[in-house]
Amino acid sequence: MWQAIEQEITAATGVPFRVCDSTAIGGGCINDAVCLRGGDRTFFVKLNRAERLSMFEAEAAGLAAIRATDTVRAPEPVASGIDGDRSWLALEFIEFTTAGGEAEARLGEQLAAMHRAGSDRFGWVRDNTIGSTPQPNPWTADWLQFLREQRLGFQLALARENGAASRLVERGELLLASLPLFFRDYRPAPSLLHGDLWGGNWSADHQGRPVVYDPAVYFGDREADLAMTELFGGFSERFYRAYASTWPLDRGYSSRQALYNLYHILNHFNLFGGSYERQALGMVEQLLAELGR
């Protein structure tokens, strides 16, 4: 059943590969995953429906972009393709260990260095996904336009289609119209972002080096990456101190943190529904209250 994957890995690496053992790997909510071993080589392979191939191709491109910065480690993409009704992505297999405080501090330093990789515009060379939700990345000169149209506005429109309460939609639209007030004294430069950097999308290898994976890469405000690290439990204080010592954040970051995380909470509503709608509305009301609206 692995013949097509064997052939593509062989073509990509120039070394014959035959599967001798396969082990299913749990933990993901979007893709299936398996560890394929053959001889002295091991690959991590993600599997999904055939129509999801573009998602895997975008992920591979994002990992390659992170690796090209020579900062934080990311798995090397090897090959991707379609086999019958399945699409797949083969990656370098990295064995993880428990990530301690030292690894978190190194991640903070390396993430700041990665954010130094810039562009003259916001967006990216291709669209990708945030989770399984489409994430449009058209090149845009103005960050507020990009944030309004391709991030918050895009998710708010999906929320409307998914049956969100009119209060969330109406107050969300007022927030979109008020975005310039959060950027009166701040003009972000485009930085290469991981795009989905929560605690479940990084670990450490056996040398203690941080490893990031499952990216949703684009060029945006680096504060958006930092804001997401504070969702779902956050990172340790060592991470934030190390980042700030390498590249301090703007003093107004705290006023924009919830604004950037609203994007991810809206996405969680669009993916999973439930209490995320109430959480998103609470964030919108909090942000508008800070503006006196």
Protein backbone atom coordinates (compact mmCIF):
# COMPACT_ATOMS: atom_id res chain seq x y z
CA MET A 1 0.00 0.00 0.00
CA TRP A 2 3.01 2.30 0.31
CA GLN A 3 4.34 1.79 -3.22
CA ALA A 4 3.61 5.30 -4.54
CA ILE A 5 5.18 6.90 -1.46
CA GLU A 6 8.24 4.65 -1.74
CA GLN A 7 8.69 5.65 -5.37
CA GLU A 8 8.39 9.39 -4.70
CA ILE A 9 10.76 9.30 -1.71
CA THR A 10 13.25 7.33 -3.82
CA ALA A 11 13.00 9.89 -6.63
CA ALA A 12 13.30 12.85 -4.25
CA THR A 13 16.28 11.53 -2.29
CA GLY A 14 18.09 9.58 -4.98
CA VAL A 15 18.33 6.60 -2.62
CA PRO A 16 16.03 3.56 -2.93
CA PHE A 17 13.48 3.37 -0.13
CA ARG A 18 11.33 0.37 0.76
CA VAL A 19 8.95 0.30 3.71
CA CYS A 20 9.80 -2.42 6.22
CA ASP A 21 7.63 -1.20 9.07
CA SER A 22 4.80 1.32 9.59
CA THR A 23 3.40 2.71 12.82
CA ALA A 24 0.31 4.88 13.12
CA ILE A 25 0.85 8.11 15.07
CA GLY A 26 -2.01 9.77 16.92
CA GLY A 27 -2.55 13.29 18.21
CA GLY A 28 -3.73 15.19 15.13
CA CYS A 29 -7.30 16.32 14.51
CA ILE A 30 -6.94 17.15 10.80
CA ASN A 31 -4.67 14.52 9.26
CA ASP A 32 -3.81 10.90 9.84
CA ALA A 33 -0.11 10.25 10.34
CA VAL A 34 2.23 7.30 10.12
CA CYS A 35 5.90 6.62 10.71
CA LEU A 36 7.45 4.68 7.82
CA ARG A 37 10.73 2.85 8.36
CA GLY A 38 12.95 1.24 5.77
CA GLY A 39 16.56 0.22 6.34
CA ASP A 40 18.23 2.93 8.38
CA ARG A 41 15.80 5.68 7.29
CA THR A 42 12.55 6.85 8.82
CA PHE A 43 9.96 9.33 7.49
CA PHE A 44 6.94 11.01 9.03
CA VAL A 45 4.01 10.86 6.60
CA LYS A 46 0.74 12.78 6.82
CA LEU A 47 -2.36 11.47 5.06
CA ASN A 48 -5.63 13.09 4.07
CA ARG A 49 -8.18 13.09 1.26
CA ALA A 50 -6.87 13.50 -2.29
CA GLU A 51 -8.33 17.00 -2.62
CA ARG A 52 -6.14 18.13 0.30
CA LEU A 53 -2.91 17.83 -1.69
CA SER A 54 -2.60 21.62 -2.08
CA MET A 55 -2.73 21.94 1.72
CA PHE A 56 0.24 19.59 2.01
CA GLU A 57 2.13 21.36 -0.77
CA ALA A 58 1.64 24.69 0.99
CA GLU A 59 2.81 23.20 4.28
CA ALA A 60 5.95 21.88 2.58
CA ALA A 61 6.63 25.31 1.11
CA GLY A 62 6.16 26.91 4.53
CA LEU A 63 8.58 24.51 6.19
CA ALA A 64 11.10 25.19 3.43
CA ALA A 65 10.74 28.94 3.98
CA ILE A 66 11.39 28.57 7.72
CA ARG A 67 14.38 26.31 7.09
CA ALA A 68 15.82 28.82 4.60
CA THR A 69 16.17 31.41 7.40
CA ASP A 70 18.71 29.14 9.17
CA THR A 71 17.22 30.04 12.54
CA VAL A 72 14.79 27.64 14.26
CA ARG A 73 14.78 24.00 13.17
CA ALA A 74 11.83 22.66 11.14
CA PRO A 75 11.34 19.22 9.54
CA GLU A 76 12.64 18.94 6.01
CA PRO A 77 9.87 18.27 3.47
CA VAL A 78 10.79 15.28 1.31
CA ALA A 79 7.95 14.53 -1.12
CA SER A 80 4.19 14.76 -1.55
CA GLY A 81 1.61 13.30 -3.87
CA ILE A 82 -1.66 11.45 -4.38
CA ASP A 83 -2.19 7.71 -4.06
CA GLY A 84 -5.72 6.70 -5.03
CA ASP A 85 -8.14 8.68 -2.87
CA ARG A 86 -5.45 9.90 -0.49
CA SER A 87 -2.98 12.76 -0.55
CA TRP A 88 0.18 12.55 1.49
CA LEU A 89 3.22 14.51 2.64
CA ALA A 90 6.49 12.87 3.67
CA LEU A 91 8.73 14.76 6.08
CA GLU A 92 12.01 14.20 7.84
CA PHE A 93 11.32 12.19 10.98
CA ILE A 94 12.57 13.96 14.12
CA GLU A 95 12.45 12.14 17.43
CA PHE A 96 11.31 14.53 20.14
CA THR A 97 12.10 14.75 23.82
CA THR A 98 10.59 16.81 26.63
CA ALA A 99 11.13 20.50 25.91
CA GLY A 100 12.40 22.27 29.02
CA GLY A 101 13.04 25.88 29.90
CA GLU A 102 16.37 26.05 28.09
CA ALA A 103 14.74 24.90 24.85
CA GLU A 104 11.98 27.51 25.31
CA ALA A 105 14.59 30.24 25.76
CA ARG A 106 16.39 29.13 22.62
CA LEU A 107 13.06 29.11 20.77
CA GLY A 108 12.47 32.71 21.84
CA GLU A 109 15.85 33.80 20.51
CA GLN A 110 15.50 31.84 17.29
CA LEU A 111 11.94 33.00 16.63
CA ALA A 112 13.06 36.61 16.94
CA ALA A 113 15.85 35.87 14.47
CA MET A 114 13.37 34.21 12.10
CA HIS A 115 11.14 37.28 12.28
CA ARG A 116 14.07 39.32 10.94
CA ALA A 117 13.49 37.59 7.60
CA GLY A 118 11.34 40.17 5.88
CA SER A 119 9.66 41.18 2.65
CA ASP A 120 8.56 44.39 0.98
CA ARG A 121 4.89 43.36 1.28
CA PHE A 122 2.51 41.41 3.47
CA GLY A 123 1.14 38.05 2.34
CA TRP A 124 2.95 35.13 0.76
CA VAL A 125 3.72 33.42 -2.52
CA ARG A 126 0.66 31.17 -2.18
CA ASP A 127 -2.47 30.64 -0.14
CA ASN A 128 -2.38 28.00 2.57
CA THR A 129 -4.53 26.88 5.49
CA ILE A 130 -4.92 27.64 9.19
CA GLY A 131 -5.93 24.27 10.51
CA SER A 132 -8.08 23.12 7.62
CA THR A 133 -9.57 26.58 6.97
CA PRO A 134 -8.37 28.37 3.81
CA GLN A 135 -5.94 31.20 4.58
CA PRO A 136 -5.65 33.68 1.69
CA ASN A 137 -2.28 35.42 1.33
CA PRO A 138 -2.43 37.88 -1.59
CA TRP A 139 0.50 40.29 -1.66
CA THR A 140 -0.65 43.52 -0.01
CA ALA A 141 1.33 46.70 0.65
CA ASP A 142 -0.77 47.84 3.62
CA TRP A 143 -0.93 45.77 6.82
CA LEU A 144 -4.29 47.15 7.94
CA GLN A 145 -5.85 46.22 4.63
CA PHE A 146 -4.38 42.73 4.83
CA LEU A 147 -5.50 42.24 8.44
CA ARG A 148 -8.98 43.59 7.71
CA GLU A 149 -9.64 41.70 4.48
CA GLN A 150 -7.56 38.51 4.58
CA ARG A 151 -7.56 37.72 8.28
CA LEU A 152 -10.29 39.11 10.56
CA GLY A 153 -12.74 39.98 7.80
CA PHE A 154 -12.31 36.63 6.10
CA GLN A 155 -12.98 34.72 9.34
CA LEU A 156 -15.91 36.96 10.26
CA ALA A 157 -17.52 36.30 6.87
CA LEU A 158 -17.09 32.55 7.42
CA ALA A 159 -18.62 32.91 10.89
CA ARG A 160 -21.67 34.60 9.35
CA GLU A 161 -22.01 31.71 6.90
CA ASN A 162 -21.65 29.24 9.79
CA GLY A 163 -24.55 30.75 11.69
CA ALA A 164 -22.82 33.11 14.12
CA ALA A 165 -25.10 35.38 16.12
CA SER A 166 -25.85 38.74 14.54
CA ARG A 167 -24.33 40.50 17.57
CA LEU A 168 -20.92 38.95 16.85
CA VAL A 169 -21.12 39.85 13.17
CA GLU A 170 -22.30 43.44 13.76
CA ARG A 171 -19.84 44.20 16.54
CA GLY A 172 -17.11 42.47 14.58
CA GLU A 173 -17.75 44.71 11.60
CA LEU A 174 -17.52 47.77 13.87
CA LEU A 175 -14.17 46.47 15.11
CA LEU A 176 -12.93 46.09 11.53
CA ALA A 177 -13.84 49.71 10.85
CA SER A 178 -11.95 50.73 14.00
CA LEU A 179 -8.67 48.91 13.25
CA PRO A 180 -6.64 52.09 12.54
CA LEU A 181 -7.08 53.11 16.18
CA PHE A 182 -4.90 50.18 17.27
CA PHE A 183 -2.08 51.31 14.99
CA ARG A 184 -1.90 55.06 15.54
CA ASP A 185 1.75 54.95 16.63
CA TYR A 186 2.83 51.61 15.21
CA ARG A 187 3.75 50.60 11.67
CA PRO A 188 4.72 46.92 11.52
CA ALA A 189 7.19 45.65 8.96
CA PRO A 190 6.56 42.33 7.18
CA SER A 191 8.17 39.45 9.08
CA LEU A 192 8.20 35.77 8.18
CA LEU A 193 5.70 34.19 10.58
CA HIS A 194 5.10 30.61 11.60
CA GLY A 195 1.43 31.58 11.62
CA ASP A 196 0.09 28.88 13.97
CA LEU A 197 2.55 28.93 16.85
CA TRP A 198 0.78 27.48 19.86
CA GLY A 199 2.29 25.06 22.37
CA GLY A 200 1.32 21.99 20.37
CA ASN A 201 3.29 23.03 17.28
CA TRP A 202 6.79 22.93 18.67
CA SER A 203 9.00 20.56 20.61
CA ALA A 204 12.70 19.80 21.08
CA ASP A 205 14.98 17.21 19.53
CA HIS A 206 17.38 15.03 21.52
CA GLN A 207 20.06 17.72 21.33
CA GLY A 208 17.68 20.14 23.06
CA ARG A 209 17.16 22.19 19.90
CA PRO A 210 13.69 23.68 19.40
CA VAL A 211 11.71 22.33 16.45
CA VAL A 212 8.62 24.00 14.96
CA TYR A 213 6.14 22.29 12.65
CA ASP A 214 2.59 22.51 11.23
CA PRO A 215 3.08 26.12 10.06
CA ALA A 216 0.67 28.51 8.36
CA VAL A 217 3.43 30.72 6.97
CA TYR A 218 3.05 34.27 5.66
CA PHE A 219 4.71 37.68 5.98
CA GLY A 220 2.88 39.68 8.63
CA ASP A 221 3.28 41.59 11.88
CA ARG A 222 5.56 39.59 14.19
CA GLU A 223 3.23 40.48 17.06
CA ALA A 224 0.70 38.05 15.57
CA ASP A 225 3.08 35.12 16.21
CA LEU A 226 3.82 36.30 19.74
CA ALA A 227 0.13 36.79 20.49
CA MET A 228 -0.72 33.23 19.54
CA THR A 229 1.96 31.85 21.85
CA GLU A 230 -0.16 33.27 24.67
CA LEU A 231 -3.26 31.28 23.65
CA PHE A 232 -4.05 27.83 25.05
CA GLY A 233 -1.73 27.98 28.04
CA GLY A 234 1.09 30.11 26.70
CA PHE A 235 4.82 29.61 26.87
CA SER A 236 7.18 30.09 29.81
CA GLU A 237 8.52 33.44 30.92
CA ARG A 238 11.98 32.32 29.73
CA PHE A 239 10.66 32.24 26.16
CA TYR A 240 9.33 35.80 26.32
CA ARG A 241 12.42 37.19 28.05
CA ALA A 242 14.67 35.56 25.45
CA TYR A 243 12.60 36.93 22.58
CA ALA A 244 12.55 40.44 24.05
CA SER A 245 16.30 40.39 24.69
CA THR A 246 16.85 39.58 21.03
CA TRP A 247 14.23 41.94 19.55
CA PRO A 248 12.07 43.96 21.98
CA LEU A 249 8.39 44.34 21.18
CA ASP A 250 6.62 47.66 20.70
CA ARG A 251 5.15 49.10 23.90
CA GLY A 252 1.65 48.91 22.43
CA TYR A 253 1.77 45.15 21.88
CA SER A 254 -0.54 44.43 24.82
CA SER A 255 -3.31 46.48 23.19
CA ARG A 256 -3.12 44.40 20.00
CA GLN A 257 -2.61 40.94 21.50
CA ALA A 258 -6.33 40.14 21.75
CA LEU A 259 -6.89 41.62 18.29
CA TYR A 260 -4.50 39.11 16.74
CA ASN A 261 -5.80 36.19 18.79
CA LEU A 262 -9.36 36.98 17.73
CA TYR A 263 -8.40 35.60 14.32
CA HIS A 264 -7.64 32.19 15.82
CA ILE A 265 -10.69 32.11 18.07
CA LEU A 266 -12.94 32.95 15.12
CA ASN A 267 -11.20 30.17 13.20
CA HIS A 268 -11.87 27.75 16.06
CA PHE A 269 -15.53 28.73 15.95
CA ASN A 270 -15.59 28.10 12.20
CA LEU A 271 -13.92 24.71 12.69
CA PHE A 272 -15.55 23.49 15.89
CA GLY A 273 -18.42 25.82 16.83
CA GLY A 274 -19.54 25.64 20.45
CA SER A 275 -18.24 28.03 23.09
CA TYR A 276 -15.76 29.68 20.73
CA GLU A 277 -18.58 31.93 19.51
CA ARG A 278 -19.09 33.31 23.00
CA GLN A 279 -15.33 33.69 23.48
CA ALA A 280 -14.99 35.55 20.17
CA LEU A 281 -17.83 37.93 21.08
CA GLY A 282 -16.23 38.58 24.45
CA MET A 283 -12.96 39.48 22.77
CA VAL A 284 -14.69 41.79 20.30
CA GLU A 285 -16.55 43.57 23.11
CA GLN A 286 -13.35 43.93 25.14
CA LEU A 287 -11.49 45.44 22.19
CA LEU A 288 -14.30 47.85 21.39
CA ALA A 289 -14.58 48.85 25.05
CA GLU A 290 -10.89 49.78 25.04
CA LEU A 291 -11.73 52.16 22.21
CA GLY A 292 -14.82 53.50 23.99
CA ARG A 293 -17.23 51.97 21.47
